[in-house]
Structures are given as structure tokens and as C-alpha cells.
Amino acid sequence: MALKAAGLRQIHTYIGAFIAPSVLFFAATGALQLFSLHEAHGDYKPPVLFEKLGALHKDQAFAAESDHHDGPPPSAHGAKAAPADDDDHDHPPATPPRAWALKWLFLTVAIGLIVSTVLGVWMAITLSRRKAVVWTLLILGAALPILILVL
């Protein structure tokens, strides 16, 4: 039996409601990572929340870099790595123009994904006949990752 368009639309609404919180999270934290706003470099020290959200996005752990590293990473032989040359901190490698263009394009995509997802959530809530199901799936989609993280 083939699903009718209305049935597919309802399945799409329910799946979208459940994954919307994660889509919003990954789009926002991915946008921060495009410009390395989640890691310290040079004189820049990111807000702790940016570090923690970046770690959650990349490593599935809600910890700032400083929370789980007491210094430079050890070398392959267990000794601490030698300090980096100060010239490396004063003059980071230049970013090629095409990399900047891609960063800005991907930032535009992340913003578009956030806007589209928010509009989709609004449509799901306002247009669905089963608003309680949509709200339940939204809440579950937001709560489950948090529960898994703290357990």
C-alpha cells in the first residue's frame, strides 16, 4: 500500500520535529567552528561556552579544552611536546582566499539551515492537527541528547 502525500507529510513533520533541536545545535556550533571561535589561538581566548559547545559538537563531551588538558599534548613517547615557536603564534598561516570564500558560503548555509529549521518547526506547530505529538517530539529531540550526556 502506497503512502499518500498527507501521510508522507505527517511522517516528515514528525521526523523534522524530533531532529530539529539537533539540526539547530549542529548548524550553530558548526558556524562557530568555521572561524575557529571555539578554540584559543593567538591572543584570542574563546568564551568557555563556545569551547564546551565545540567539544560537544566534535567529541560528544561537554568540556572545555582546558577542562581535559593540563598542557601541551604528550608526544608519542610520553614526554610533553616541546613548546611551539613563538613566531607561529604571532603569525598564523595565511588563509587562502578560496578557503575564506568557502567559510562564508558555509556560514550562509548554516544560517539558512537555522532559518529553514525554525520555519519548519513553526509550520509543524501551527499547521499540524496533532500539536501535542509535535511538541512531544520536539521536547524529546531536545531532552534525549542532554539525558544521554549526563548519564
Protein backbone atom coordinates (compact mmCIF):
# COMPACT_ATOMS: atom_id res chain seq x y z
CA MET A 1 0.00 0.00 0.00
CA ALA A 2 1.48 3.29 -1.08
CA LEU A 3 1.59 6.18 1.36
CA LYS A 4 -0.47 9.16 0.35
CA ALA A 5 1.06 12.63 0.26
CA ALA A 6 -0.68 13.57 3.51
CA GLY A 7 0.84 10.55 5.25
CA LEU A 8 4.31 11.38 3.95
CA ARG A 9 3.90 14.99 5.03
CA GLN A 10 2.93 13.86 8.53
CA ILE A 11 5.92 11.50 8.76
CA HIS A 12 8.15 14.35 7.54
CA THR A 13 6.67 16.66 10.18
CA TYR A 14 7.27 14.18 12.99
CA ILE A 15 10.83 13.34 11.93
CA GLY A 16 11.58 17.04 11.47
CA ALA A 17 10.19 17.91 14.90
CA PHE A 18 12.33 15.24 16.56
CA ILE A 19 15.61 16.14 14.83
CA ALA A 20 15.11 19.95 14.74
CA PRO A 21 16.88 20.62 18.07
CA SER A 22 19.96 18.68 16.93
CA VAL A 23 19.93 20.30 13.49
CA LEU A 24 19.85 23.73 15.14
CA PHE A 25 22.66 22.75 17.51
CA PHE A 26 24.93 21.41 14.76
CA ALA A 27 24.26 24.33 12.43
CA ALA A 28 25.04 26.89 15.16
CA THR A 29 28.12 25.14 16.57
CA GLY A 30 29.38 24.32 13.09
CA ALA A 31 29.13 28.02 12.23
CA LEU A 32 31.28 28.83 15.29
CA GLN A 33 33.85 26.27 14.19
CA LEU A 34 34.14 27.71 10.68
CA PHE A 35 36.10 30.62 12.11
CA SER A 36 37.68 28.62 14.98
CA LEU A 37 35.72 30.60 17.56
CA HIS A 38 35.69 27.53 19.82
CA GLU A 39 39.48 27.28 20.23
CA ALA A 40 42.14 29.59 21.60
CA HIS A 41 44.63 30.95 19.09
CA GLY A 42 46.99 33.88 19.29
CA ASP A 43 45.58 36.39 21.75
CA TYR A 44 42.03 35.09 21.31
CA LYS A 45 40.53 33.16 24.23
CA PRO A 46 37.03 31.87 23.42
CA PRO A 47 34.20 32.06 25.91
CA VAL A 48 34.02 28.84 27.93
CA LEU A 49 30.56 28.11 26.49
CA PHE A 50 31.96 28.21 22.92
CA GLU A 51 34.73 25.79 23.95
CA LYS A 52 32.24 23.43 25.58
CA LEU A 53 29.80 23.54 22.68
CA GLY A 54 32.65 22.95 20.22
CA ALA A 55 33.78 19.93 22.25
CA LEU A 56 30.23 18.62 22.33
CA HIS A 57 29.92 19.04 18.54
CA LYS A 58 33.29 17.42 17.77
CA ASP A 59 33.85 14.96 20.62
CA GLN A 60 30.39 14.40 22.14
CA ALA A 61 31.71 15.67 25.51
CA PHE A 62 30.58 18.87 27.21
CA ALA A 63 34.01 20.01 28.37
CA ALA A 64 36.18 22.97 27.53
CA GLU A 65 39.63 22.24 26.16
CA SER A 66 41.11 23.46 29.44
CA ASP A 67 38.87 21.01 31.35
CA HIS A 68 40.57 17.95 29.92
CA HIS A 69 44.08 19.11 29.01
CA ASP A 70 46.69 20.24 31.53
CA GLY A 71 49.18 21.41 28.95
CA PRO A 72 50.51 20.54 25.55
CA PRO A 73 49.66 17.05 24.32
CA PRO A 74 52.25 14.40 25.10
CA SER A 75 54.48 13.17 22.30
CA ALA A 76 54.34 9.62 21.00
CA HIS A 77 56.95 8.64 23.61
CA GLY A 78 55.02 10.03 26.59
CA ALA A 79 57.10 13.19 27.01
CA LYS A 80 55.47 16.56 26.86
CA ALA A 81 55.67 18.22 23.46
CA ALA A 82 58.19 20.98 23.04
CA PRO A 83 56.77 24.48 23.25
CA ALA A 84 55.77 25.89 19.90
CA ASP A 85 57.97 28.52 18.34
CA ASP A 86 56.69 31.98 19.31
CA ASP A 87 56.76 33.02 15.66
CA ASP A 88 53.94 30.52 14.99
CA HIS A 89 51.66 32.34 17.45
CA ASP A 90 52.47 35.79 16.16
CA HIS A 91 51.98 34.90 12.51
CA PRO A 92 49.32 32.26 11.90
CA PRO A 93 49.38 30.74 8.44
CA ALA A 94 47.53 32.86 5.92
CA THR A 95 44.14 31.54 4.88
CA PRO A 96 43.83 31.28 1.09
CA PRO A 97 41.03 33.36 -0.48
CA ARG A 98 39.10 30.26 -1.61
CA ALA A 99 39.09 28.96 1.99
CA TRP A 100 37.63 32.28 3.17
CA ALA A 101 35.04 32.12 0.38
CA LEU A 102 34.06 28.59 1.46
CA LYS A 103 33.88 29.65 5.12
CA TRP A 104 31.49 32.48 4.26
CA LEU A 105 29.47 30.26 1.95
CA PHE A 106 29.16 27.60 4.66
CA LEU A 107 28.22 30.28 7.21
CA THR A 108 25.46 31.37 4.83
CA VAL A 109 24.35 27.73 4.55
CA ALA A 110 24.36 27.34 8.36
CA ILE A 111 22.25 30.48 8.75
CA GLY A 112 19.90 29.25 6.03
CA LEU A 113 19.61 25.88 7.76
CA ILE A 114 18.80 27.57 11.07
CA VAL A 115 16.17 29.83 9.49
CA SER A 116 14.66 26.96 7.49
CA THR A 117 14.54 24.70 10.55
CA VAL A 118 12.92 27.37 12.71
CA LEU A 119 10.34 27.99 9.98
CA GLY A 120 9.73 24.24 9.71
CA VAL A 121 9.20 23.96 13.47
CA TRP A 122 6.81 26.92 13.39
CA MET A 123 4.90 25.33 10.49
CA ALA A 124 4.79 21.97 12.25
CA ILE A 125 3.38 23.54 15.40
CA THR A 126 0.87 25.82 13.72
CA LEU A 127 -0.31 23.62 10.85
CA SER A 128 -0.32 20.15 12.40
CA ARG A 129 -3.58 18.66 13.55
CA ARG A 130 -1.68 16.77 16.25
CA LYS A 131 0.14 19.59 18.02
CA ALA A 132 0.70 17.51 21.15
CA VAL A 133 2.63 14.92 19.13
CA VAL A 134 4.76 17.64 17.52
CA TRP A 135 5.51 19.27 20.89
CA THR A 136 6.32 15.89 22.44
CA LEU A 137 8.75 15.06 19.63
CA LEU A 138 10.38 18.49 19.88
CA ILE A 139 10.85 18.10 23.62
CA LEU A 140 12.18 14.55 23.21
CA GLY A 141 14.55 15.70 20.47
CA ALA A 142 15.96 18.35 22.79
CA ALA A 143 15.92 16.31 26.01
CA LEU A 144 17.34 12.97 24.82
CA PRO A 145 20.82 14.28 23.91
CA ILE A 146 21.00 16.11 27.24
CA LEU A 147 19.92 13.00 29.16
CA ILE A 148 22.41 10.81 27.32
CA LEU A 149 25.15 13.36 28.02
CA VAL A 150 24.53 13.48 31.77
CA LEU A 151 24.02 9.75 32.27
